[in-house]
Every structure is written in structure tokens, then in C-alpha cells.
Amino acid sequence: MNKAIKLIIRGRVQGVGYRRWFEQQALALALTGYVKNLDSGEVEAVIVGHFDVLQELISRSYDGPPRAEVVQVFQIILAHEQNFVGFNMLR
């Protein structure tokens, strides 16, 4: 059964290729959803997929691309159904 999780990623995650890296990881794991920058300097991602695969991407999200420095990843499990086609990097 698929789950949907919203992530708020804090640290040095803008201007370092984090969204592109995250998108590549999500696509490699066949997840759906989106990733985008927030005005606060954080990155938001909503990912949908099997729980074990979501956990794998959450683990990877702490590393990020080489210039990123992830300080914190907040997880919010979404109760309502999320329907996405593919995975998108939003501006």
C-alpha cells in the first residue's frame, strides 16, 4: 500500500543542486510527487510510494549532493490520498 509523506529539509539545501539531486533519487526509486524550494530557504518534497522505499529516500535525503549540508529533515505523514503522475521538480 502506498503512503504519502511531506518532507521539509533544512540546512544548506538551496543553490547547491539539492532539488535536482532529490528528483534523480526519487525517479531512481520509482516514487511520485514533487520537490521545490521554499522562500524560507528550506526544500519541500512530497513523495508517494511503498513505505520501505520512502524510508530509503528519507535516509538518502540526509546526504544530498556534495555541496549540501542537511541539518534536519521533518517528516509529516499525509492522511489523504495523493495522486501524482511521475516526479517533478518545481520552481
N, C-alpha and C. Protein backbone atom coordinates (compact mmCIF):
# COMPACT_ATOMS: atom_id res chain seq x y z
N MET A 1 0.84 -1.19 0.00
CA MET A 1 0.00 0.00 0.00
C MET A 1 0.88 1.25 0.00
N ASN A 2 0.54 2.20 -0.83
CA ASN A 2 1.31 3.43 -0.93
C ASN A 2 0.98 4.40 0.20
N LYS A 3 2.00 5.13 0.60
CA LYS A 3 1.88 6.18 1.60
C LYS A 3 2.36 7.47 0.98
N ALA A 4 1.95 8.59 1.56
CA ALA A 4 2.42 9.91 1.12
C ALA A 4 3.06 10.60 2.31
N ILE A 5 4.24 11.16 2.08
CA ILE A 5 4.97 11.85 3.15
C ILE A 5 5.44 13.19 2.62
N LYS A 6 5.26 14.23 3.44
CA LYS A 6 5.82 15.55 3.13
C LYS A 6 7.09 15.71 3.94
N LEU A 7 8.15 16.16 3.28
CA LEU A 7 9.43 16.42 3.94
C LEU A 7 9.74 17.90 3.87
N ILE A 8 10.24 18.45 4.94
CA ILE A 8 10.80 19.79 4.97
C ILE A 8 12.27 19.60 5.32
N ILE A 9 13.14 20.00 4.39
CA ILE A 9 14.57 19.74 4.53
C ILE A 9 15.28 21.06 4.82
N ARG A 10 15.98 21.12 5.94
CA ARG A 10 16.65 22.34 6.38
C ARG A 10 18.15 22.20 6.31
N GLY A 11 18.81 23.31 6.12
CA GLY A 11 20.26 23.35 6.06
C GLY A 11 20.68 24.14 4.83
N ARG A 12 21.86 23.86 4.32
CA ARG A 12 22.29 24.48 3.07
C ARG A 12 21.79 23.58 1.95
N VAL A 13 20.57 23.85 1.50
CA VAL A 13 19.92 22.99 0.51
C VAL A 13 19.42 23.76 -0.71
N GLN A 14 19.67 25.05 -0.76
CA GLN A 14 19.33 25.83 -1.96
C GLN A 14 20.61 26.36 -2.57
N GLY A 15 20.66 26.36 -3.89
CA GLY A 15 21.84 26.82 -4.60
C GLY A 15 22.97 25.80 -4.67
N VAL A 16 22.67 24.56 -4.30
CA VAL A 16 23.69 23.50 -4.31
C VAL A 16 23.26 22.29 -5.13
N GLY A 17 22.17 22.41 -5.89
CA GLY A 17 21.70 21.30 -6.72
C GLY A 17 20.88 20.27 -5.97
N TYR A 18 20.36 20.65 -4.80
CA TYR A 18 19.64 19.67 -3.98
C TYR A 18 18.36 19.18 -4.66
N ARG A 19 17.57 20.09 -5.23
CA ARG A 19 16.31 19.66 -5.86
C ARG A 19 16.57 18.69 -7.01
N ARG A 20 17.53 19.02 -7.86
CA ARG A 20 17.84 18.14 -8.99
C ARG A 20 18.30 16.77 -8.49
N TRP A 21 19.17 16.77 -7.47
CA TRP A 21 19.65 15.53 -6.88
C TRP A 21 18.48 14.73 -6.31
N PHE A 22 17.59 15.40 -5.57
CA PHE A 22 16.44 14.74 -4.95
C PHE A 22 15.54 14.12 -6.02
N GLU A 23 15.30 14.89 -7.09
CA GLU A 23 14.48 14.40 -8.19
C GLU A 23 15.09 13.12 -8.77
N GLN A 24 16.39 13.09 -8.99
CA GLN A 24 17.06 11.92 -9.54
C GLN A 24 16.91 10.72 -8.61
N GLN A 25 17.04 10.95 -7.30
CA GLN A 25 16.88 9.86 -6.34
C GLN A 25 15.46 9.31 -6.37
N ALA A 26 14.48 10.20 -6.38
CA ALA A 26 13.07 9.78 -6.39
C ALA A 26 12.74 9.01 -7.66
N LEU A 27 13.23 9.48 -8.80
CA LEU A 27 12.98 8.77 -10.06
C LEU A 27 13.64 7.40 -10.06
N ALA A 28 14.85 7.31 -9.53
CA ALA A 28 15.55 6.02 -9.46
C ALA A 28 14.80 5.02 -8.60
N LEU A 29 14.08 5.52 -7.60
CA LEU A 29 13.31 4.65 -6.70
C LEU A 29 11.85 4.49 -7.15
N ALA A 30 11.52 5.06 -8.31
CA ALA A 30 10.17 4.96 -8.90
C ALA A 30 9.09 5.55 -7.99
N LEU A 31 9.42 6.65 -7.32
CA LEU A 31 8.45 7.35 -6.47
C LEU A 31 7.77 8.45 -7.29
N THR A 32 6.63 8.89 -6.83
CA THR A 32 5.95 10.02 -7.46
C THR A 32 5.89 11.17 -6.47
N GLY A 33 5.60 12.37 -6.99
CA GLY A 33 5.49 13.54 -6.13
C GLY A 33 6.19 14.74 -6.71
N TYR A 34 6.73 15.58 -5.83
CA TYR A 34 7.43 16.78 -6.27
C TYR A 34 8.45 17.22 -5.25
N VAL A 35 9.34 18.11 -5.66
CA VAL A 35 10.29 18.76 -4.77
C VAL A 35 10.37 20.22 -5.20
N LYS A 36 10.44 21.14 -4.23
CA LYS A 36 10.51 22.56 -4.57
C LYS A 36 11.22 23.34 -3.47
N ASN A 37 11.76 24.49 -3.85
CA ASN A 37 12.35 25.41 -2.88
C ASN A 37 11.25 26.21 -2.20
N LEU A 38 11.48 26.53 -0.95
CA LEU A 38 10.58 27.41 -0.20
C LEU A 38 11.27 28.75 0.01
N ASP A 39 10.48 29.80 0.16
CA ASP A 39 11.02 31.13 0.40
C ASP A 39 11.86 31.19 1.68
N SER A 40 11.62 30.27 2.60
CA SER A 40 12.32 30.23 3.89
C SER A 40 13.76 29.74 3.76
N GLY A 41 14.14 29.24 2.57
CA GLY A 41 15.47 28.65 2.39
C GLY A 41 15.46 27.15 2.54
N GLU A 42 14.32 26.59 2.87
CA GLU A 42 14.18 25.14 3.01
C GLU A 42 13.74 24.54 1.67
N VAL A 43 13.76 23.22 1.60
CA VAL A 43 13.23 22.49 0.46
C VAL A 43 12.06 21.65 0.96
N GLU A 44 10.98 21.65 0.18
CA GLU A 44 9.80 20.83 0.49
C GLU A 44 9.69 19.74 -0.56
N ALA A 45 9.37 18.54 -0.11
CA ALA A 45 9.13 17.43 -1.03
C ALA A 45 7.92 16.66 -0.54
N VAL A 46 7.09 16.26 -1.47
CA VAL A 46 6.02 15.31 -1.18
C VAL A 46 6.34 14.08 -2.01
N ILE A 47 6.46 12.95 -1.34
CA ILE A 47 6.81 11.70 -2.02
C ILE A 47 5.76 10.65 -1.72
N VAL A 48 5.44 9.88 -2.76
CA VAL A 48 4.41 8.85 -2.65
C VAL A 48 4.99 7.54 -3.14
N GLY A 49 4.79 6.50 -2.35
CA GLY A 49 5.26 5.17 -2.74
C GLY A 49 5.13 4.20 -1.59
N HIS A 50 5.71 3.02 -1.77
CA HIS A 50 5.69 2.00 -0.74
C HIS A 50 6.52 2.48 0.45
N PHE A 51 6.09 2.19 1.65
CA PHE A 51 6.71 2.70 2.87
C PHE A 51 8.22 2.43 2.93
N ASP A 52 8.65 1.22 2.59
CA ASP A 52 10.07 0.89 2.64
C ASP A 52 10.89 1.74 1.68
N VAL A 53 10.35 2.01 0.50
CA VAL A 53 11.05 2.83 -0.48
C VAL A 53 11.09 4.29 -0.03
N LEU A 54 10.01 4.76 0.57
CA LEU A 54 10.00 6.11 1.13
C LEU A 54 11.09 6.27 2.18
N GLN A 55 11.22 5.27 3.03
CA GLN A 55 12.24 5.32 4.08
C GLN A 55 13.65 5.38 3.47
N GLU A 56 13.85 4.69 2.36
CA GLU A 56 15.15 4.73 1.69
C GLU A 56 15.46 6.14 1.19
N LEU A 57 14.47 6.80 0.58
CA LEU A 57 14.71 8.16 0.10
C LEU A 57 14.91 9.12 1.27
N ILE A 58 14.19 8.93 2.35
CA ILE A 58 14.38 9.78 3.53
C ILE A 58 15.80 9.63 4.06
N SER A 59 16.30 8.41 4.10
CA SER A 59 17.68 8.18 4.55
C SER A 59 18.67 8.89 3.62
N ARG A 60 18.46 8.76 2.32
CA ARG A 60 19.35 9.42 1.35
C ARG A 60 19.28 10.95 1.46
N SER A 61 18.11 11.46 1.82
CA SER A 61 17.92 12.92 1.83
C SER A 61 18.82 13.62 2.84
N TYR A 62 19.31 12.90 3.84
CA TYR A 62 20.23 13.49 4.82
C TYR A 62 21.61 13.74 4.21
N ASP A 63 21.96 13.01 3.15
CA ASP A 63 23.26 13.18 2.50
C ASP A 63 23.21 14.28 1.46
N GLY A 64 22.33 14.15 0.50
CA GLY A 64 22.22 15.14 -0.57
C GLY A 64 23.44 15.16 -1.46
N PRO A 65 23.48 16.15 -2.37
CA PRO A 65 24.63 16.29 -3.26
C PRO A 65 25.84 16.80 -2.49
N PRO A 66 27.03 16.77 -3.12
CA PRO A 66 28.28 17.10 -2.40
C PRO A 66 28.30 18.44 -1.66
N ARG A 67 27.74 19.52 -2.21
CA ARG A 67 27.83 20.83 -1.55
C ARG A 67 26.71 21.09 -0.53
N ALA A 68 25.77 20.19 -0.42
CA ALA A 68 24.67 20.38 0.52
C ALA A 68 25.10 20.03 1.95
N GLU A 69 24.47 20.69 2.90
CA GLU A 69 24.65 20.36 4.32
C GLU A 69 23.27 20.30 4.95
N VAL A 70 22.74 19.10 5.06
CA VAL A 70 21.40 18.91 5.61
C VAL A 70 21.50 18.88 7.13
N VAL A 71 20.72 19.75 7.76
CA VAL A 71 20.71 19.84 9.21
C VAL A 71 19.56 19.02 9.78
N GLN A 72 18.41 19.09 9.13
CA GLN A 72 17.22 18.46 9.70
C GLN A 72 16.25 18.09 8.58
N VAL A 73 15.57 16.97 8.73
CA VAL A 73 14.53 16.55 7.80
C VAL A 73 13.27 16.28 8.63
N PHE A 74 12.26 17.13 8.46
CA PHE A 74 10.98 16.93 9.15
C PHE A 74 10.11 16.05 8.27
N GLN A 75 9.42 15.10 8.88
CA GLN A 75 8.53 14.20 8.16
C GLN A 75 7.10 14.40 8.64
N ILE A 76 6.19 14.56 7.70
CA ILE A 76 4.77 14.66 8.01
C ILE A 76 4.06 13.62 7.16
N ILE A 77 3.43 12.66 7.79
CA ILE A 77 2.69 11.64 7.06
C ILE A 77 1.34 12.23 6.67
N LEU A 78 1.05 12.21 5.39
CA LEU A 78 -0.19 12.79 4.89
C LEU A 78 -1.30 11.74 4.96
N ALA A 79 -2.43 12.14 5.54
CA ALA A 79 -3.53 11.21 5.75
C ALA A 79 -4.38 11.02 4.49
N HIS A 80 -4.42 12.02 3.63
CA HIS A 80 -5.27 11.91 2.45
C HIS A 80 -4.49 11.39 1.24
N GLU A 81 -5.22 10.85 0.32
CA GLU A 81 -4.62 10.25 -0.89
C GLU A 81 -3.96 11.32 -1.75
N GLN A 82 -2.79 11.01 -2.24
CA GLN A 82 -2.05 11.91 -3.13
C GLN A 82 -1.88 11.20 -4.47
N ASN A 83 -2.34 11.80 -5.52
CA ASN A 83 -2.21 11.21 -6.85
C ASN A 83 -1.28 12.07 -7.70
N PHE A 84 -0.12 11.55 -8.00
CA PHE A 84 0.84 12.23 -8.86
C PHE A 84 1.18 11.31 -10.02
N VAL A 85 1.47 11.92 -11.15
CA VAL A 85 1.97 11.17 -12.29
C VAL A 85 3.44 11.54 -12.41
N GLY A 86 4.31 10.60 -12.09
CA GLY A 86 5.74 10.85 -12.15
C GLY A 86 6.24 11.68 -10.98
N PHE A 87 7.44 12.21 -11.14
CA PHE A 87 8.05 13.05 -10.11
C PHE A 87 8.53 14.33 -10.77
N ASN A 88 8.22 15.49 -10.16
CA ASN A 88 8.53 16.77 -10.76
C ASN A 88 9.35 17.65 -9.82
N MET A 89 10.25 18.39 -10.42
CA MET A 89 10.97 19.42 -9.69
C MET A 89 10.26 20.73 -10.03
N LEU A 90 9.72 21.38 -9.02
CA LEU A 90 9.00 22.63 -9.22
C LEU A 90 9.92 23.81 -8.95
N ARG A 91 9.63 24.91 -9.53
CA ARG A 91 10.44 26.13 -9.33
C ARG A 91 9.96 26.90 -8.14
